[in-house]
Amino acid sequence: MRKILNIADRFREEEDGAALIEYTVLLGILLVAVIVTIGLVGTWISGQWTALNAALP
């Protein structure tokens, strides 16, 4: 148990671990934003394609 606490203390004291966590969270937020954007653009393109097909005789 003492070993786990020592490892946890080391991670808390080191700034590299905190920076790694911050960058990981930022990467996750960006990934979600990209996925949502791709979904929205895909829906818009699908709607445009459907409208174009309906307009053609």
PDB file of N, CA and C in Angstrom:
ATOM      1  N   MET A   1       0.830  -1.189   0.000  1.00  0.00           N
ATOM      2  CA  MET A   1       0.000   0.000   0.000  1.00  0.00           C
ATOM      3  C   MET A   1       0.872   1.248   0.000  1.00  0.00           C
ATOM      4  N   ARG A   2       1.964   1.162   0.721  1.00  0.00           N
ATOM      5  CA  ARG A   2       2.876   2.306   0.817  1.00  0.00           C
ATOM      6  C   ARG A   2       3.496   2.627  -0.537  1.00  0.00           C
ATOM      7  N   LYS A   3       3.768   1.576  -1.309  1.00  0.00           N
ATOM      8  CA  LYS A   3       4.371   1.762  -2.626  1.00  0.00           C
ATOM      9  C   LYS A   3       3.410   2.505  -3.560  1.00  0.00           C
ATOM     10  N   ILE A   4       2.135   2.167  -3.499  1.00  0.00           N
ATOM     11  CA  ILE A   4       1.133   2.839  -4.329  1.00  0.00           C
ATOM     12  C   ILE A   4       1.034   4.308  -3.951  1.00  0.00           C
ATOM     13  N   LEU A   5       1.071   4.597  -2.664  1.00  0.00           N
ATOM     14  CA  LEU A   5       1.011   5.994  -2.214  1.00  0.00           C
ATOM     15  C   LEU A   5       2.246   6.771  -2.661  1.00  0.00           C
ATOM     16  N   ASN A   6       3.403   6.135  -2.630  1.00  0.00           N
ATOM     17  CA  ASN A   6       4.622   6.806  -3.099  1.00  0.00           C
ATOM     18  C   ASN A   6       4.530   7.126  -4.591  1.00  0.00           C
ATOM     19  N   ILE A   7       4.020   6.196  -5.368  1.00  0.00           N
ATOM     20  CA  ILE A   7       3.867   6.433  -6.806  1.00  0.00           C
ATOM     21  C   ILE A   7       2.871   7.571  -7.041  1.00  0.00           C
ATOM     22  N   ALA A   8       1.775   7.573  -6.300  1.00  0.00           N
ATOM     23  CA  ALA A   8       0.774   8.635  -6.444  1.00  0.00           C
ATOM     24  C   ALA A   8       1.379   9.990  -6.061  1.00  0.00           C
ATOM     25  N   ASP A   9       2.182  10.045  -5.020  1.00  0.00           N
ATOM     26  CA  ASP A   9       2.843  11.293  -4.619  1.00  0.00           C
ATOM     27  C   ASP A   9       3.806  11.781  -5.688  1.00  0.00           C
ATOM     28  N   ARG A  10       4.524  10.861  -6.304  1.00  0.00           N
ATOM     29  CA  ARG A  10       5.462  11.240  -7.369  1.00  0.00           C
ATOM     30  C   ARG A  10       4.730  11.846  -8.553  1.00  0.00           C
ATOM     31  N   PHE A  11       3.619  11.232  -8.950  1.00  0.00           N
ATOM     32  CA  PHE A  11       2.844  11.764 -10.074  1.00  0.00           C
ATOM     33  C   PHE A  11       2.268  13.137  -9.740  1.00  0.00           C
ATOM     34  N   ARG A  12       1.876  13.329  -8.495  1.00  0.00           N
ATOM     35  CA  ARG A  12       1.300  14.604  -8.105  1.00  0.00           C
ATOM     36  C   ARG A  12       2.348  15.700  -8.088  1.00  0.00           C
ATOM     37  N   GLU A  13       3.566  15.373  -7.706  1.00  0.00           N
ATOM     38  CA  GLU A  13       4.634  16.365  -7.601  1.00  0.00           C
ATOM     39  C   GLU A  13       5.261  16.692  -8.951  1.00  0.00           C
ATOM     40  N   GLU A  14       5.255  15.740  -9.866  1.00  0.00           N
ATOM     41  CA  GLU A  14       5.870  15.968 -11.166  1.00  0.00           C
ATOM     42  C   GLU A  14       4.909  16.723 -12.073  1.00  0.00           C
ATOM     43  N   GLU A  15       5.424  17.721 -12.758  1.00  0.00           N
ATOM     44  CA  GLU A  15       4.587  18.498 -13.662  1.00  0.00           C
ATOM     45  C   GLU A  15       4.397  17.799 -15.000  1.00  0.00           C
ATOM     46  N   ASP A  16       5.273  16.880 -15.352  1.00  0.00           N
ATOM     47  CA  ASP A  16       5.136  16.167 -16.620  1.00  0.00           C
ATOM     48  C   ASP A  16       3.854  15.336 -16.644  1.00  0.00           C
ATOM     49  N   GLY A  17       3.538  14.717 -15.534  1.00  0.00           N
ATOM     50  CA  GLY A  17       2.317  13.920 -15.455  1.00  0.00           C
ATOM     51  C   GLY A  17       1.076  14.776 -15.615  1.00  0.00           C
ATOM     52  N   ALA A  18       1.079  15.963 -14.996  1.00  0.00           N
ATOM     53  CA  ALA A  18      -0.058  16.876 -15.113  1.00  0.00           C
ATOM     54  C   ALA A  18      -0.193  17.379 -16.547  1.00  0.00           C
ATOM     55  N   ALA A  19       0.921  17.696 -17.183  1.00  0.00           N
ATOM     56  CA  ALA A  19       0.877  18.168 -18.562  1.00  0.00           C
ATOM     57  C   ALA A  19       0.363  17.070 -19.486  1.00  0.00           C
ATOM     58  N   LEU A  20       0.760  15.836 -19.221  1.00  0.00           N
ATOM     59  CA  LEU A  20       0.291  14.717 -20.031  1.00  0.00           C
ATOM     60  C   LEU A  20      -1.217  14.559 -19.911  1.00  0.00           C
ATOM     61  N   ILE A  21      -1.732  14.685 -18.722  1.00  0.00           N
ATOM     62  CA  ILE A  21      -3.178  14.575 -18.510  1.00  0.00           C
ATOM     63  C   ILE A  21      -3.898  15.723 -19.200  1.00  0.00           C
ATOM     64  N   GLU A  22      -3.365  16.939 -19.108  1.00  0.00           N
ATOM     65  CA  GLU A  22      -3.988  18.095 -19.750  1.00  0.00           C
ATOM     66  C   GLU A  22      -4.027  17.922 -21.262  1.00  0.00           C
ATOM     67  N   TYR A  23      -2.945  17.466 -21.852  1.00  0.00           N
ATOM     68  CA  TYR A  23      -2.919  17.259 -23.292  1.00  0.00           C
ATOM     69  C   TYR A  23      -3.848  16.125 -23.708  1.00  0.00           C
ATOM     70  N   THR A  24      -3.963  15.110 -22.890  1.00  0.00           N
ATOM     71  CA  THR A  24      -4.867  14.006 -23.196  1.00  0.00           C
ATOM     72  C   THR A  24      -6.319  14.465 -23.175  1.00  0.00           C
ATOM     73  N   VAL A  25      -6.681  15.282 -22.198  1.00  0.00           N
ATOM     74  CA  VAL A  25      -8.044  15.822 -22.134  1.00  0.00           C
ATOM     75  C   VAL A  25      -8.305  16.720 -23.338  1.00  0.00           C
ATOM     76  N   LEU A  26      -7.345  17.566 -23.683  1.00  0.00           N
ATOM     77  CA  LEU A  26      -7.494  18.443 -24.840  1.00  0.00           C
ATOM     78  C   LEU A  26      -7.655  17.630 -26.124  1.00  0.00           C
ATOM     79  N   LEU A  27      -6.879  16.580 -26.271  1.00  0.00           N
ATOM     80  CA  LEU A  27      -6.988  15.712 -27.441  1.00  0.00           C
ATOM     81  C   LEU A  27      -8.364  15.053 -27.498  1.00  0.00           C
ATOM     82  N   GLY A  28      -8.874  14.644 -26.368  1.00  0.00           N
ATOM     83  CA  GLY A  28     -10.206  14.046 -26.327  1.00  0.00           C
ATOM     84  C   GLY A  28     -11.289  15.029 -26.742  1.00  0.00           C
ATOM     85  N   ILE A  29     -11.189  16.269 -26.274  1.00  0.00           N
ATOM     86  CA  ILE A  29     -12.162  17.296 -26.645  1.00  0.00           C
ATOM     87  C   ILE A  29     -12.092  17.571 -28.148  1.00  0.00           C
ATOM     88  N   LEU A  30     -10.888  17.674 -28.680  1.00  0.00           N
ATOM     89  CA  LEU A  30     -10.734  17.910 -30.111  1.00  0.00           C
ATOM     90  C   LEU A  30     -11.276  16.741 -30.926  1.00  0.00           C
ATOM     91  N   LEU A  31     -11.048  15.534 -30.468  1.00  0.00           N
ATOM     92  CA  LEU A  31     -11.546  14.358 -31.167  1.00  0.00           C
ATOM     93  C   LEU A  31     -13.072  14.355 -31.229  1.00  0.00           C
ATOM     94  N   VAL A  32     -13.708  14.685 -30.126  1.00  0.00           N
ATOM     95  CA  VAL A  32     -15.169  14.752 -30.106  1.00  0.00           C
ATOM     96  C   VAL A  32     -15.664  15.842 -31.050  1.00  0.00           C
ATOM     97  N   ALA A  33     -14.992  17.000 -31.052  1.00  0.00           N
ATOM     98  CA  ALA A  33     -15.381  18.094 -31.940  1.00  0.00           C
ATOM     99  C   ALA A  33     -15.253  17.692 -33.407  1.00  0.00           C
ATOM    100  N   VAL A  34     -14.200  16.994 -33.751  1.00  0.00           N
ATOM    101  CA  VAL A  34     -14.002  16.555 -35.144  1.00  0.00           C
ATOM    102  C   VAL A  34     -15.078  15.547 -35.537  1.00  0.00           C
ATOM    103  N   ILE A  35     -15.390  14.608 -34.676  1.00  0.00           N
ATOM    104  CA  ILE A  35     -16.411  13.605 -34.983  1.00  0.00           C
ATOM    105  C   ILE A  35     -17.774  14.265 -35.173  1.00  0.00           C
ATOM    106  N   VAL A  36     -18.119  15.209 -34.306  1.00  0.00           N
ATOM    107  CA  VAL A  36     -19.400  15.915 -34.433  1.00  0.00           C
ATOM    108  C   VAL A  36     -19.436  16.716 -35.732  1.00  0.00           C
ATOM    109  N   THR A  37     -18.337  17.388 -36.062  1.00  0.00           N
ATOM    110  CA  THR A  37     -18.276  18.179 -37.292  1.00  0.00           C
ATOM    111  C   THR A  37     -18.436  17.293 -38.524  1.00  0.00           C
ATOM    112  N   ILE A  38     -17.769  16.163 -38.541  1.00  0.00           N
ATOM    113  CA  ILE A  38     -17.896  15.246 -39.674  1.00  0.00           C
ATOM    114  C   ILE A  38     -19.336  14.748 -39.793  1.00  0.00           C
ATOM    115  N   GLY A  39     -19.960  14.459 -38.692  1.00  0.00           N
ATOM    116  CA  GLY A  39     -21.361  14.021 -38.724  1.00  0.00           C
ATOM    117  C   GLY A  39     -22.287  15.097 -39.262  1.00  0.00           C
ATOM    118  N   LEU A  40     -22.096  16.337 -38.821  1.00  0.00           N
ATOM    119  CA  LEU A  40     -22.941  17.436 -39.284  1.00  0.00           C
ATOM    120  C   LEU A  40     -22.727  17.722 -40.767  1.00  0.00           C
ATOM    121  N   VAL A  41     -21.491  17.724 -41.208  1.00  0.00           N
ATOM    122  CA  VAL A  41     -21.206  17.962 -42.619  1.00  0.00           C
ATOM    123  C   VAL A  41     -21.780  16.829 -43.469  1.00  0.00           C
ATOM    124  N   GLY A  42     -21.660  15.607 -43.001  1.00  0.00           N
ATOM    125  CA  GLY A  42     -22.221  14.477 -43.729  1.00  0.00           C
ATOM    126  C   GLY A  42     -23.730  14.584 -43.867  1.00  0.00           C
ATOM    127  N   THR A  43     -24.405  15.011 -42.807  1.00  0.00           N
ATOM    128  CA  THR A  43     -25.856  15.193 -42.862  1.00  0.00           C
ATOM    129  C   THR A  43     -26.222  16.302 -43.842  1.00  0.00           C
ATOM    130  N   TRP A  44     -25.475  17.388 -43.819  1.00  0.00           N
ATOM    131  CA  TRP A  44     -25.736  18.497 -44.736  1.00  0.00           C
ATOM    132  C   TRP A  44     -25.533  18.068 -46.192  1.00  0.00           C
ATOM    133  N   ILE A  45     -24.462  17.354 -46.455  1.00  0.00           N
ATOM    134  CA  ILE A  45     -24.191  16.884 -47.817  1.00  0.00           C
ATOM    135  C   ILE A  45     -25.297  15.922 -48.269  1.00  0.00           C
ATOM    136  N   SER A  46     -25.748  15.069 -47.392  1.00  0.00           N
ATOM    137  CA  SER A  46     -26.821  14.147 -47.726  1.00  0.00           C
ATOM    138  C   SER A  46     -28.094  14.902 -48.090  1.00  0.00           C
ATOM    139  N   GLY A  47     -28.405  15.935 -47.335  1.00  0.00           N
ATOM    140  CA  GLY A  47     -29.581  16.751 -47.639  1.00  0.00           C
ATOM    141  C   GLY A  47     -29.453  17.464 -48.969  1.00  0.00           C
ATOM    142  N   GLN A  48     -28.278  17.981 -49.255  1.00  0.00           N
ATOM    143  CA  GLN A  48     -28.044  18.654 -50.535  1.00  0.00           C
ATOM    144  C   GLN A  48     -28.176  17.667 -51.691  1.00  0.00           C
ATOM    145  N   TRP A  49     -27.665  16.488 -51.525  1.00  0.00           N
ATOM    146  CA  TRP A  49     -27.723  15.459 -52.567  1.00  0.00           C
ATOM    147  C   TRP A  49     -29.175  15.049 -52.831  1.00  0.00           C
ATOM    148  N   THR A  50     -29.937  14.898 -51.747  1.00  0.00           N
ATOM    149  CA  THR A  50     -31.348  14.534 -51.885  1.00  0.00           C
ATOM    150  C   THR A  50     -32.106  15.645 -52.610  1.00  0.00           C
ATOM    151  N   ALA A  51     -31.851  16.905 -52.255  1.00  0.00           N
ATOM    152  CA  ALA A  51     -32.521  18.027 -52.915  1.00  0.00           C
ATOM    153  C   ALA A  51     -32.152  18.087 -54.400  1.00  0.00           C
ATOM    154  N   LEU A  52     -30.903  17.829 -54.721  1.00  0.00           N
ATOM    155  CA  LEU A  52     -30.466  17.836 -56.106  1.00  0.00           C
ATOM    156  C   LEU A  52     -31.149  16.724 -56.893  1.00  0.00           C
ATOM    157  N   ASN A  53     -31.225  15.536 -56.328  1.00  0.00           N
ATOM    158  CA  ASN A  53     -31.901  14.422 -57.007  1.00  0.00           C
ATOM    159  C   ASN A  53     -33.386  14.694 -57.199  1.00  0.00           C
ATOM    160  N   ALA A  54     -34.014  15.351 -56.248  1.00  0.00           N
ATOM    161  CA  ALA A  54     -35.440  15.679 -56.362  1.00  0.00           C
ATOM    162  C   ALA A  54     -35.663  16.754 -57.410  1.00  0.00           C
ATOM    163  N   ALA A  55     -34.711  17.666 -57.612  1.00  0.00           N
ATOM    164  CA  ALA A  55     -34.864  18.759 -58.567  1.00  0.00           C
ATOM    165  C   ALA A  55     -34.643  18.302 -60.004  1.00  0.00           C
ATOM    166  N   LEU A  56     -33.899  17.244 -60.183  1.00  0.00           N
ATOM    167  CA  LEU A  56     -33.647  16.749 -61.544  1.00  0.00           C
ATOM    168  C   LEU A  56     -34.844  15.950 -62.038  1.00  0.00           C
ATOM    169  N   PRO A  57     -35.242  16.154 -63.296  1.00  0.00           N
ATOM    170  CA  PRO A  57     -36.407  15.418 -63.819  1.00  0.00           C
ATOM    171  C   PRO A  57     -36.114  13.947 -64.035  1.00  0.00           C
TER     172      PRO A  57
END
